[in-house]
Structure formats: structure tokens, C-alpha cells
Amino acid sequence: MFGMKVDDVSSDEIKVTTTGATFILGNKSKGEIQCYQRIGEERLAATMILNASLKALTIDWSDGESCFLMRPVTDLGIGVRNHSPDKG
């Protein structure tokens, strides 16, 4: 295994920190997700802008492998899952 996991989940602006990356939903009204690389020098690696507002998203659950965000009262969800294939 590579040892990748979900290290921290913060609900202030919805920030998911994994071993190798950080995902920030800072401008939820514009559907913007910023993706930062954490391995080596920390840097902005990508910005995703979805064609939908993420204002109502909440953290539904998280564990060491996954973080699931849900928009209440609908079936729309966004999952951030971090997998490490077993080389064994």
C-alpha cells in the first residue's frame, strides 16, 4: 500500500486534507473546488469549476479512506475517495 488516507476534514469552508492533496470548496456559490498537491512542495495543482452551486453541501460522513459530501434534501452527492492499490 502507498499509505494514502484522509487526514482531516473541516466544515468551515469544506476542506478535505489527504496524505497527498488538499481539496478546498472555498467559493461554493460558484461551484469551485481548489486542489492542492501536498507531496513535495505544496502548490495549487488544479481548480475545478462545476456548473452548479455547492452552497448547500455538508459533510455527510468521513473516515480514513473517504469523505462524502451531500446536499441536503436531494440525492446529489460528491464523494472524494482516496484508494491505494495493494501491491501484495
PDB file of N, CA and C in Angstrom:
ATOM      1  N   MET A   1       0.833  -1.192   0.000  1.00  0.00           N
ATOM      2  CA  MET A   1       0.000   0.000   0.000  1.00  0.00           C
ATOM      3  C   MET A   1       0.873   1.248   0.000  1.00  0.00           C
ATOM      4  N   PHE A   2       0.335   2.333  -0.495  1.00  0.00           N
ATOM      5  CA  PHE A   2       1.050   3.604  -0.536  1.00  0.00           C
ATOM      6  C   PHE A   2       0.869   4.416   0.737  1.00  0.00           C
ATOM      7  N   GLY A   3      -0.042   4.028   1.595  1.00  0.00           N
ATOM      8  CA  GLY A   3      -0.263   4.729   2.846  1.00  0.00           C
ATOM      9  C   GLY A   3      -1.058   6.020   2.705  1.00  0.00           C
ATOM     10  N   MET A   4      -1.836   6.181   1.637  1.00  0.00           N
ATOM     11  CA  MET A   4      -2.634   7.388   1.444  1.00  0.00           C
ATOM     12  C   MET A   4      -3.912   7.268   2.266  1.00  0.00           C
ATOM     13  N   LYS A   5      -4.304   8.376   2.914  1.00  0.00           N
ATOM     14  CA  LYS A   5      -5.528   8.368   3.714  1.00  0.00           C
ATOM     15  C   LYS A   5      -6.073   9.779   3.867  1.00  0.00           C
ATOM     16  N   VAL A   6      -7.299   9.863   4.348  1.00  0.00           N
ATOM     17  CA  VAL A   6      -7.904  11.152   4.673  1.00  0.00           C
ATOM     18  C   VAL A   6      -7.394  11.535   6.056  1.00  0.00           C
ATOM     19  N   ASP A   7      -6.660  12.658   6.138  1.00  0.00           N
ATOM     20  CA  ASP A   7      -6.074  13.105   7.399  1.00  0.00           C
ATOM     21  C   ASP A   7      -7.011  13.987   8.205  1.00  0.00           C
ATOM     22  N   ASP A   8      -7.747  14.879   7.535  1.00  0.00           N
ATOM     23  CA  ASP A   8      -8.560  15.854   8.251  1.00  0.00           C
ATOM     24  C   ASP A   8      -9.696  16.336   7.353  1.00  0.00           C
ATOM     25  N   VAL A   9     -10.845  16.603   7.967  1.00  0.00           N
ATOM     26  CA  VAL A   9     -11.998  17.171   7.266  1.00  0.00           C
ATOM     27  C   VAL A   9     -12.505  18.333   8.096  1.00  0.00           C
ATOM     28  N   SER A  10     -12.564  19.528   7.483  1.00  0.00           N
ATOM     29  CA  SER A  10     -13.006  20.728   8.182  1.00  0.00           C
ATOM     30  C   SER A  10     -14.268  21.244   7.518  1.00  0.00           C
ATOM     31  N   SER A  11     -15.236  21.646   8.314  1.00  0.00           N
ATOM     32  CA  SER A  11     -16.510  22.095   7.749  1.00  0.00           C
ATOM     33  C   SER A  11     -16.593  23.600   7.534  1.00  0.00           C
ATOM     34  N   ASP A  12     -15.580  24.370   7.947  1.00  0.00           N
ATOM     35  CA  ASP A  12     -15.649  25.829   7.796  1.00  0.00           C
ATOM     36  C   ASP A  12     -15.900  26.227   6.344  1.00  0.00           C
ATOM     37  N   GLU A  13     -15.023  25.810   5.458  1.00  0.00           N
ATOM     38  CA  GLU A  13     -15.211  26.073   4.035  1.00  0.00           C
ATOM     39  C   GLU A  13     -15.216  24.759   3.262  1.00  0.00           C
ATOM     40  N   ILE A  14     -15.373  23.676   3.949  1.00  0.00           N
ATOM     41  CA  ILE A  14     -15.226  22.297   3.493  1.00  0.00           C
ATOM     42  C   ILE A  14     -13.833  22.123   2.898  1.00  0.00           C
ATOM     43  N   LYS A  15     -12.966  21.631   3.730  1.00  0.00           N
ATOM     44  CA  LYS A  15     -11.572  21.391   3.369  1.00  0.00           C
ATOM     45  C   LYS A  15     -11.252  19.944   3.723  1.00  0.00           C
ATOM     46  N   VAL A  16     -10.880  19.172   2.713  1.00  0.00           N
ATOM     47  CA  VAL A  16     -10.532  17.770   2.912  1.00  0.00           C
ATOM     48  C   VAL A  16      -9.034  17.637   2.663  1.00  0.00           C
ATOM     49  N   THR A  17      -8.315  17.211   3.699  1.00  0.00           N
ATOM     50  CA  THR A  17      -6.868  17.049   3.594  1.00  0.00           C
ATOM     51  C   THR A  17      -6.549  15.565   3.598  1.00  0.00           C
ATOM     52  N   THR A  18      -5.862  15.118   2.552  1.00  0.00           N
ATOM     53  CA  THR A  18      -5.421  13.736   2.467  1.00  0.00           C
ATOM     54  C   THR A  18      -3.897  13.721   2.591  1.00  0.00           C
ATOM     55  N   THR A  19      -3.321  12.552   2.580  1.00  0.00           N
ATOM     56  CA  THR A  19      -1.876  12.424   2.684  1.00  0.00           C
ATOM     57  C   THR A  19      -1.172  13.199   1.581  1.00  0.00           C
ATOM     58  N   GLY A  20      -1.702  13.179   0.363  1.00  0.00           N
ATOM     59  CA  GLY A  20      -1.027  13.795  -0.770  1.00  0.00           C
ATOM     60  C   GLY A  20      -1.669  15.036  -1.342  1.00  0.00           C
ATOM     61  N   ALA A  21      -2.885  15.386  -0.901  1.00  0.00           N
ATOM     62  CA  ALA A  21      -3.579  16.519  -1.514  1.00  0.00           C
ATOM     63  C   ALA A  21      -4.536  17.177  -0.527  1.00  0.00           C
ATOM     64  N   THR A  22      -4.907  18.416  -0.841  1.00  0.00           N
ATOM     65  CA  THR A  22      -5.936  19.134  -0.096  1.00  0.00           C
ATOM     66  C   THR A  22      -6.967  19.633  -1.101  1.00  0.00           C
ATOM     67  N   PHE A  23      -8.244  19.441  -0.789  1.00  0.00           N
ATOM     68  CA  PHE A  23      -9.355  19.886  -1.634  1.00  0.00           C
ATOM     69  C   PHE A  23     -10.141  20.926  -0.848  1.00  0.00           C
ATOM     70  N   ILE A  24     -10.289  22.126  -1.408  1.00  0.00           N
ATOM     71  CA  ILE A  24     -10.980  23.215  -0.718  1.00  0.00           C
ATOM     72  C   ILE A  24     -12.166  23.677  -1.553  1.00  0.00           C
ATOM     73  N   LEU A  25     -13.350  23.657  -0.948  1.00  0.00           N
ATOM     74  CA  LEU A  25     -14.548  24.192  -1.585  1.00  0.00           C
ATOM     75  C   LEU A  25     -14.767  25.579  -1.009  1.00  0.00           C
ATOM     76  N   GLY A  26     -13.921  26.517  -1.406  1.00  0.00           N
ATOM     77  CA  GLY A  26     -13.925  27.850  -0.825  1.00  0.00           C
ATOM     78  C   GLY A  26     -15.005  28.747  -1.380  1.00  0.00           C
ATOM     79  N   ASN A  27     -15.213  28.732  -2.689  1.00  0.00           N
ATOM     80  CA  ASN A  27     -16.248  29.567  -3.290  1.00  0.00           C
ATOM     81  C   ASN A  27     -17.376  28.647  -3.745  1.00  0.00           C
ATOM     82  N   LYS A  28     -18.155  28.184  -2.757  1.00  0.00           N
ATOM     83  CA  LYS A  28     -19.191  27.192  -3.038  1.00  0.00           C
ATOM     84  C   LYS A  28     -20.289  27.728  -3.944  1.00  0.00           C
ATOM     85  N   SER A  29     -20.543  29.043  -3.911  1.00  0.00           N
ATOM     86  CA  SER A  29     -21.622  29.592  -4.747  1.00  0.00           C
ATOM     87  C   SER A  29     -21.274  29.488  -6.225  1.00  0.00           C
ATOM     88  N   LYS A  30     -19.986  29.468  -6.558  1.00  0.00           N
ATOM     89  CA  LYS A  30     -19.563  29.326  -7.953  1.00  0.00           C
ATOM     90  C   LYS A  30     -19.204  27.885  -8.304  1.00  0.00           C
ATOM     91  N   GLY A  31     -19.375  26.965  -7.372  1.00  0.00           N
ATOM     92  CA  GLY A  31     -19.065  25.565  -7.637  1.00  0.00           C
ATOM     93  C   GLY A  31     -17.581  25.326  -7.822  1.00  0.00           C
ATOM     94  N   GLU A  32     -16.756  26.068  -7.090  1.00  0.00           N
ATOM     95  CA  GLU A  32     -15.310  25.996  -7.276  1.00  0.00           C
ATOM     96  C   GLU A  32     -14.649  25.081  -6.251  1.00  0.00           C
ATOM     97  N   ILE A  33     -13.787  24.184  -6.742  1.00  0.00           N
ATOM     98  CA  ILE A  33     -13.003  23.294  -5.889  1.00  0.00           C
ATOM     99  C   ILE A  33     -11.536  23.492  -6.250  1.00  0.00           C
ATOM    100  N   GLN A  34     -10.730  23.867  -5.268  1.00  0.00           N
ATOM    101  CA  GLN A  34      -9.295  24.024  -5.491  1.00  0.00           C
ATOM    102  C   GLN A  34      -8.595  22.773  -4.980  1.00  0.00           C
ATOM    103  N   CYS A  35      -7.636  22.265  -5.758  1.00  0.00           N
ATOM    104  CA  CYS A  35      -6.911  21.045  -5.430  1.00  0.00           C
ATOM    105  C   CYS A  35      -5.429  21.376  -5.279  1.00  0.00           C
ATOM    106  N   TYR A  36      -4.907  21.138  -4.108  1.00  0.00           N
ATOM    107  CA  TYR A  36      -3.510  21.435  -3.809  1.00  0.00           C
ATOM    108  C   TYR A  36      -2.724  20.148  -3.641  1.00  0.00           C
ATOM    109  N   GLN A  37      -1.549  20.091  -4.239  1.00  0.00           N
ATOM    110  CA  GLN A  37      -0.622  18.989  -4.041  1.00  0.00           C
ATOM    111  C   GLN A  37       0.092  19.194  -2.711  1.00  0.00           C
ATOM    112  N   ARG A  38       0.252  18.123  -1.923  1.00  0.00           N
ATOM    113  CA  ARG A  38       0.954  18.232  -0.642  1.00  0.00           C
ATOM    114  C   ARG A  38       2.295  17.505  -0.645  1.00  0.00           C
ATOM    115  N   ILE A  39       2.511  16.633  -1.609  1.00  0.00           N
ATOM    116  CA  ILE A  39       3.761  15.882  -1.670  1.00  0.00           C
ATOM    117  C   ILE A  39       4.817  16.771  -2.323  1.00  0.00           C
ATOM    118  N   GLY A  40       5.979  16.836  -1.707  1.00  0.00           N
ATOM    119  CA  GLY A  40       6.996  17.768  -2.186  1.00  0.00           C
ATOM    120  C   GLY A  40       6.587  19.173  -1.773  1.00  0.00           C
ATOM    121  N   GLU A  41       6.758  20.116  -2.662  1.00  0.00           N
ATOM    122  CA  GLU A  41       6.360  21.497  -2.376  1.00  0.00           C
ATOM    123  C   GLU A  41       4.857  21.648  -2.572  1.00  0.00           C
ATOM    124  N   GLU A  42       4.165  22.183  -1.545  1.00  0.00           N
ATOM    125  CA  GLU A  42       2.724  22.381  -1.669  1.00  0.00           C
ATOM    126  C   GLU A  42       2.448  23.412  -2.756  1.00  0.00           C
ATOM    127  N   ARG A  43       1.491  23.091  -3.654  1.00  0.00           N
ATOM    128  CA  ARG A  43       1.158  24.008  -4.741  1.00  0.00           C
ATOM    129  C   ARG A  43      -0.255  23.743  -5.226  1.00  0.00           C
ATOM    130  N   LEU A  44      -0.867  24.779  -5.810  1.00  0.00           N
ATOM    131  CA  LEU A  44      -2.174  24.627  -6.436  1.00  0.00           C
ATOM    132  C   LEU A  44      -1.992  23.798  -7.700  1.00  0.00           C
ATOM    133  N   ALA A  45      -2.617  22.644  -7.762  1.00  0.00           N
ATOM    134  CA  ALA A  45      -2.454  21.746  -8.899  1.00  0.00           C
ATOM    135  C   ALA A  45      -3.612  21.856  -9.893  1.00  0.00           C
ATOM    136  N   ALA A  46      -4.810  22.182  -9.394  1.00  0.00           N
ATOM    137  CA  ALA A  46      -5.969  22.267 -10.283  1.00  0.00           C
ATOM    138  C   ALA A  46      -7.079  23.061  -9.609  1.00  0.00           C
ATOM    139  N   THR A  47      -7.909  23.672 -10.424  1.00  0.00           N
ATOM    140  CA  THR A  47      -9.135  24.311  -9.957  1.00  0.00           C
ATOM    141  C   THR A  47     -10.268  23.780 -10.821  1.00  0.00           C
ATOM    142  N   MET A  48     -11.277  23.211 -10.180  1.00  0.00           N
ATOM    143  CA  MET A  48     -12.452  22.717 -10.893  1.00  0.00           C
ATOM    144  C   MET A  48     -13.598  23.683 -10.655  1.00  0.00           C
ATOM    145  N   ILE A  49     -14.280  24.053 -11.709  1.00  0.00           N
ATOM    146  CA  ILE A  49     -15.466  24.899 -11.588  1.00  0.00           C
ATOM    147  C   ILE A  49     -16.630  24.110 -12.171  1.00  0.00           C
ATOM    148  N   LEU A  50     -17.537  23.732 -11.297  1.00  0.00           N
ATOM    149  CA  LEU A  50     -18.692  22.941 -11.702  1.00  0.00           C
ATOM    150  C   LEU A  50     -19.823  23.861 -12.143  1.00  0.00           C
ATOM    151  N   ASN A  51     -20.683  23.362 -12.956  1.00  0.00           N
ATOM    152  CA  ASN A  51     -21.810  24.137 -13.448  1.00  0.00           C
ATOM    153  C   ASN A  51     -22.990  24.026 -12.469  1.00  0.00           C
ATOM    154  N   ALA A  52     -22.698  24.182 -11.183  1.00  0.00           N
ATOM    155  CA  ALA A  52     -23.727  24.100 -10.147  1.00  0.00           C
ATOM    156  C   ALA A  52     -23.181  24.729  -8.869  1.00  0.00           C
ATOM    157  N   SER A  53     -24.058  25.329  -8.121  1.00  0.00           N
ATOM    158  CA  SER A  53     -23.666  25.884  -6.830  1.00  0.00           C
ATOM    159  C   SER A  53     -23.468  24.745  -5.827  1.00  0.00           C
ATOM    160  N   LEU A  54     -22.473  24.877  -4.982  1.00  0.00           N
ATOM    161  CA  LEU A  54     -22.208  23.887  -3.937  1.00  0.00           C
ATOM    162  C   LEU A  54     -22.546  24.444  -2.553  1.00  0.00           C
ATOM    163  N   LYS A  55     -23.315  25.547  -2.514  1.00  0.00           N
ATOM    164  CA  LYS A  55     -23.606  26.248  -1.262  1.00  0.00           C
ATOM    165  C   LYS A  55     -24.210  25.350  -0.194  1.00  0.00           C
ATOM    166  N   ALA A  56     -25.096  24.468  -0.572  1.00  0.00           N
ATOM    167  CA  ALA A  56     -25.817  23.674   0.422  1.00  0.00           C
ATOM    168  C   ALA A  56     -25.103  22.378   0.799  1.00  0.00           C
ATOM    169  N   LEU A  57     -23.902  22.146   0.285  1.00  0.00           N
ATOM    170  CA  LEU A  57     -23.200  20.911   0.613  1.00  0.00           C
ATOM    171  C   LEU A  57     -22.802  20.874   2.084  1.00  0.00           C
ATOM    172  N   THR A  58     -22.936  19.709   2.658  1.00  0.00           N
ATOM    173  CA  THR A  58     -22.485  19.476   4.024  1.00  0.00           C
ATOM    174  C   THR A  58     -21.659  18.188   4.029  1.00  0.00           C
ATOM    175  N   ILE A  59     -20.910  17.998   5.089  1.00  0.00           N
ATOM    176  CA  ILE A  59     -20.147  16.776   5.236  1.00  0.00           C
ATOM    177  C   ILE A  59     -21.085  15.716   5.799  1.00  0.00           C
ATOM    178  N   ASP A  60     -21.365  14.690   5.010  1.00  0.00           N
ATOM    179  CA  ASP A  60     -22.255  13.626   5.449  1.00  0.00           C
ATOM    180  C   ASP A  60     -21.506  12.650   6.353  1.00  0.00           C
ATOM    181  N   TRP A  61     -20.343  12.188   5.914  1.00  0.00           N
ATOM    182  CA  TRP A  61     -19.507  11.330   6.741  1.00  0.00           C
ATOM    183  C   TRP A  61     -18.097  11.293   6.186  1.00  0.00           C
ATOM    184  N   SER A  62     -17.166  10.883   7.024  1.00  0.00           N
ATOM    185  CA  SER A  62     -15.795  10.685   6.576  1.00  0.00           C
ATOM    186  C   SER A  62     -15.132   9.648   7.465  1.00  0.00           C
ATOM    187  N   ASP A  63     -14.139   8.973   6.900  1.00  0.00           N
ATOM    188  CA  ASP A  63     -13.327   8.035   7.660  1.00  0.00           C
ATOM    189  C   ASP A  63     -11.909   8.122   7.117  1.00  0.00           C
ATOM    190  N   GLY A  64     -11.062   7.169   7.400  1.00  0.00           N
ATOM    191  CA  GLY A  64      -9.672   7.218   6.967  1.00  0.00           C
ATOM    192  C   GLY A  64      -9.470   7.078   5.473  1.00  0.00           C
ATOM    193  N   GLU A  65     -10.494   6.604   4.738  1.00  0.00           N
ATOM    194  CA  GLU A  65     -10.378   6.408   3.299  1.00  0.00           C
ATOM    195  C   GLU A  65     -11.220   7.369   2.471  1.00  0.00           C
ATOM    196  N   SER A  66     -12.303   7.876   3.017  1.00  0.00           N
ATOM    197  CA  SER A  66     -13.281   8.599   2.215  1.00  0.00           C
ATOM    198  C   SER A  66     -13.868   9.788   2.957  1.00  0.00           C
ATOM    199  N   CYS A  67     -14.381  10.710   2.169  1.00  0.00           N
ATOM    200  CA  CYS A  67     -15.174  11.810   2.692  1.00  0.00           C
ATOM    201  C   CYS A  67     -16.345  11.969   1.734  1.00  0.00           C
ATOM    202  N   PHE A  68     -17.571  11.933   2.253  1.00  0.00           N
ATOM    203  CA  PHE A  68     -18.738  12.041   1.395  1.00  0.00           C
ATOM    204  C   PHE A  68     -19.491  13.321   1.729  1.00  0.00           C
ATOM    205  N   LEU A  69     -19.645  14.179   0.726  1.00  0.00           N
ATOM    206  CA  LEU A  69     -20.363  15.442   0.868  1.00  0.00           C
ATOM    207  C   LEU A  69     -21.751  15.278   0.280  1.00  0.00           C
ATOM    208  N   MET A  70     -22.747  15.853   0.933  1.00  0.00           N
ATOM    209  CA  MET A  70     -24.130  15.681   0.496  1.00  0.00           C
ATOM    210  C   MET A  70     -24.851  17.013   0.496  1.00  0.00           C
ATOM    211  N   ARG A  71     -25.696  17.207  -0.497  1.00  0.00           N
ATOM    212  CA  ARG A  71     -26.585  18.359  -0.499  1.00  0.00           C
ATOM    213  C   ARG A  71     -27.890  17.898   0.136  1.00  0.00           C
ATOM    214  N   PRO A  72     -28.289  18.489   1.255  1.00  0.00           N
ATOM    215  CA  PRO A  72     -29.487  18.030   1.964  1.00  0.00           C
ATOM    216  C   PRO A  72     -30.743  18.075   1.092  1.00  0.00           C
ATOM    217  N   VAL A  73     -31.639  17.148   1.330  1.00  0.00           N
ATOM    218  CA  VAL A  73     -32.962  17.044   0.729  1.00  0.00           C
ATOM    219  C   VAL A  73     -32.909  16.695  -0.758  1.00  0.00           C
ATOM    220  N   THR A  74     -31.783  16.281  -1.260  1.00  0.00           N
ATOM    221  CA  THR A  74     -31.700  15.796  -2.635  1.00  0.00           C
ATOM    222  C   THR A  74     -30.834  14.549  -2.631  1.00  0.00           C
ATOM    223  N   ASP A  75     -30.722  13.931  -3.784  1.00  0.00           N
ATOM    224  CA  ASP A  75     -29.875  12.748  -3.872  1.00  0.00           C
ATOM    225  C   ASP A  75     -28.520  13.059  -4.506  1.00  0.00           C
ATOM    226  N   LEU A  76     -28.184  14.349  -4.624  1.00  0.00           N
ATOM    227  CA  LEU A  76     -26.896  14.726  -5.191  1.00  0.00           C
ATOM    228  C   LEU A  76     -25.810  14.619  -4.131  1.00  0.00           C
ATOM    229  N   GLY A  77     -24.773  13.906  -4.440  1.00  0.00           N
ATOM    230  CA  GLY A  77     -23.646  13.792  -3.521  1.00  0.00           C
ATOM    231  C   GLY A  77     -22.346  13.815  -4.297  1.00  0.00           C
ATOM    232  N   ILE A  78     -21.296  14.250  -3.657  1.00  0.00           N
ATOM    233  CA  ILE A  78     -19.974  14.234  -4.263  1.00  0.00           C
ATOM    234  C   ILE A  78     -19.077  13.451  -3.326  1.00  0.00           C
ATOM    235  N   GLY A  79     -18.488  12.409  -3.813  1.00  0.00           N
ATOM    236  CA  GLY A  79     -17.598  11.597  -2.993  1.00  0.00           C
ATOM    237  C   GLY A  79     -16.149  11.864  -3.348  1.00  0.00           C
ATOM    238  N   VAL A  80     -15.320  12.027  -2.351  1.00  0.00           N
ATOM    239  CA  VAL A  80     -13.884  12.123  -2.543  1.00  0.00           C
ATOM    240  C   VAL A  80     -13.312  10.867  -1.919  1.00  0.00           C
ATOM    241  N   ARG A  81     -12.824   9.972  -2.739  1.00  0.00           N
ATOM    242  CA  ARG A  81     -12.315   8.702  -2.231  1.00  0.00           C
ATOM    243  C   ARG A  81     -10.850   8.574  -2.600  1.00  0.00           C
ATOM    244  N   ASN A  82     -10.072   8.128  -1.660  1.00  0.00           N
ATOM    245  CA  ASN A  82      -8.628   8.008  -1.820  1.00  0.00           C
ATOM    246  C   ASN A  82      -8.285   6.534  -1.728  1.00  0.00           C
ATOM    247  N   HIS A  83      -7.855   5.918  -2.838  1.00  0.00           N
ATOM    248  CA  HIS A  83      -7.531   4.497  -2.853  1.00  0.00           C
ATOM    249  C   HIS A  83      -6.028   4.282  -3.003  1.00  0.00           C
ATOM    250  N   SER A  84      -5.551   3.242  -2.367  1.00  0.00           N
ATOM    251  CA  SER A  84      -4.174   2.799  -2.548  1.00  0.00           C
ATOM    252  C   SER A  84      -4.222   1.320  -2.915  1.00  0.00           C
ATOM    253  N   PRO A  85      -3.914   0.999  -4.157  1.00  0.00           N
ATOM    254  CA  PRO A  85      -3.983  -0.415  -4.539  1.00  0.00           C
ATOM    255  C   PRO A  85      -2.940  -1.235  -3.781  1.00  0.00           C
ATOM    256  N   ASP A  86      -3.332  -2.417  -3.379  1.00  0.00           N
ATOM    257  CA  ASP A  86      -2.429  -3.322  -2.668  1.00  0.00           C
ATOM    258  C   ASP A  86      -1.504  -3.984  -3.671  1.00  0.00           C
ATOM    259  N   LYS A  87      -0.218  -3.748  -3.527  1.00  0.00           N
ATOM    260  CA  LYS A  87       0.749  -4.324  -4.451  1.00  0.00           C
ATOM    261  C   LYS A  87       1.037  -5.799  -4.144  1.00  0.00           C
ATOM    262  N   GLY A  88       0.597  -6.273  -2.963  1.00  0.00           N
ATOM    263  CA  GLY A  88       0.920  -7.603  -2.493  1.00  0.00           C
ATOM    264  C   GLY A  88       0.394  -8.679  -3.332  1.00  0.00           C
TER     265      GLY A  88
END
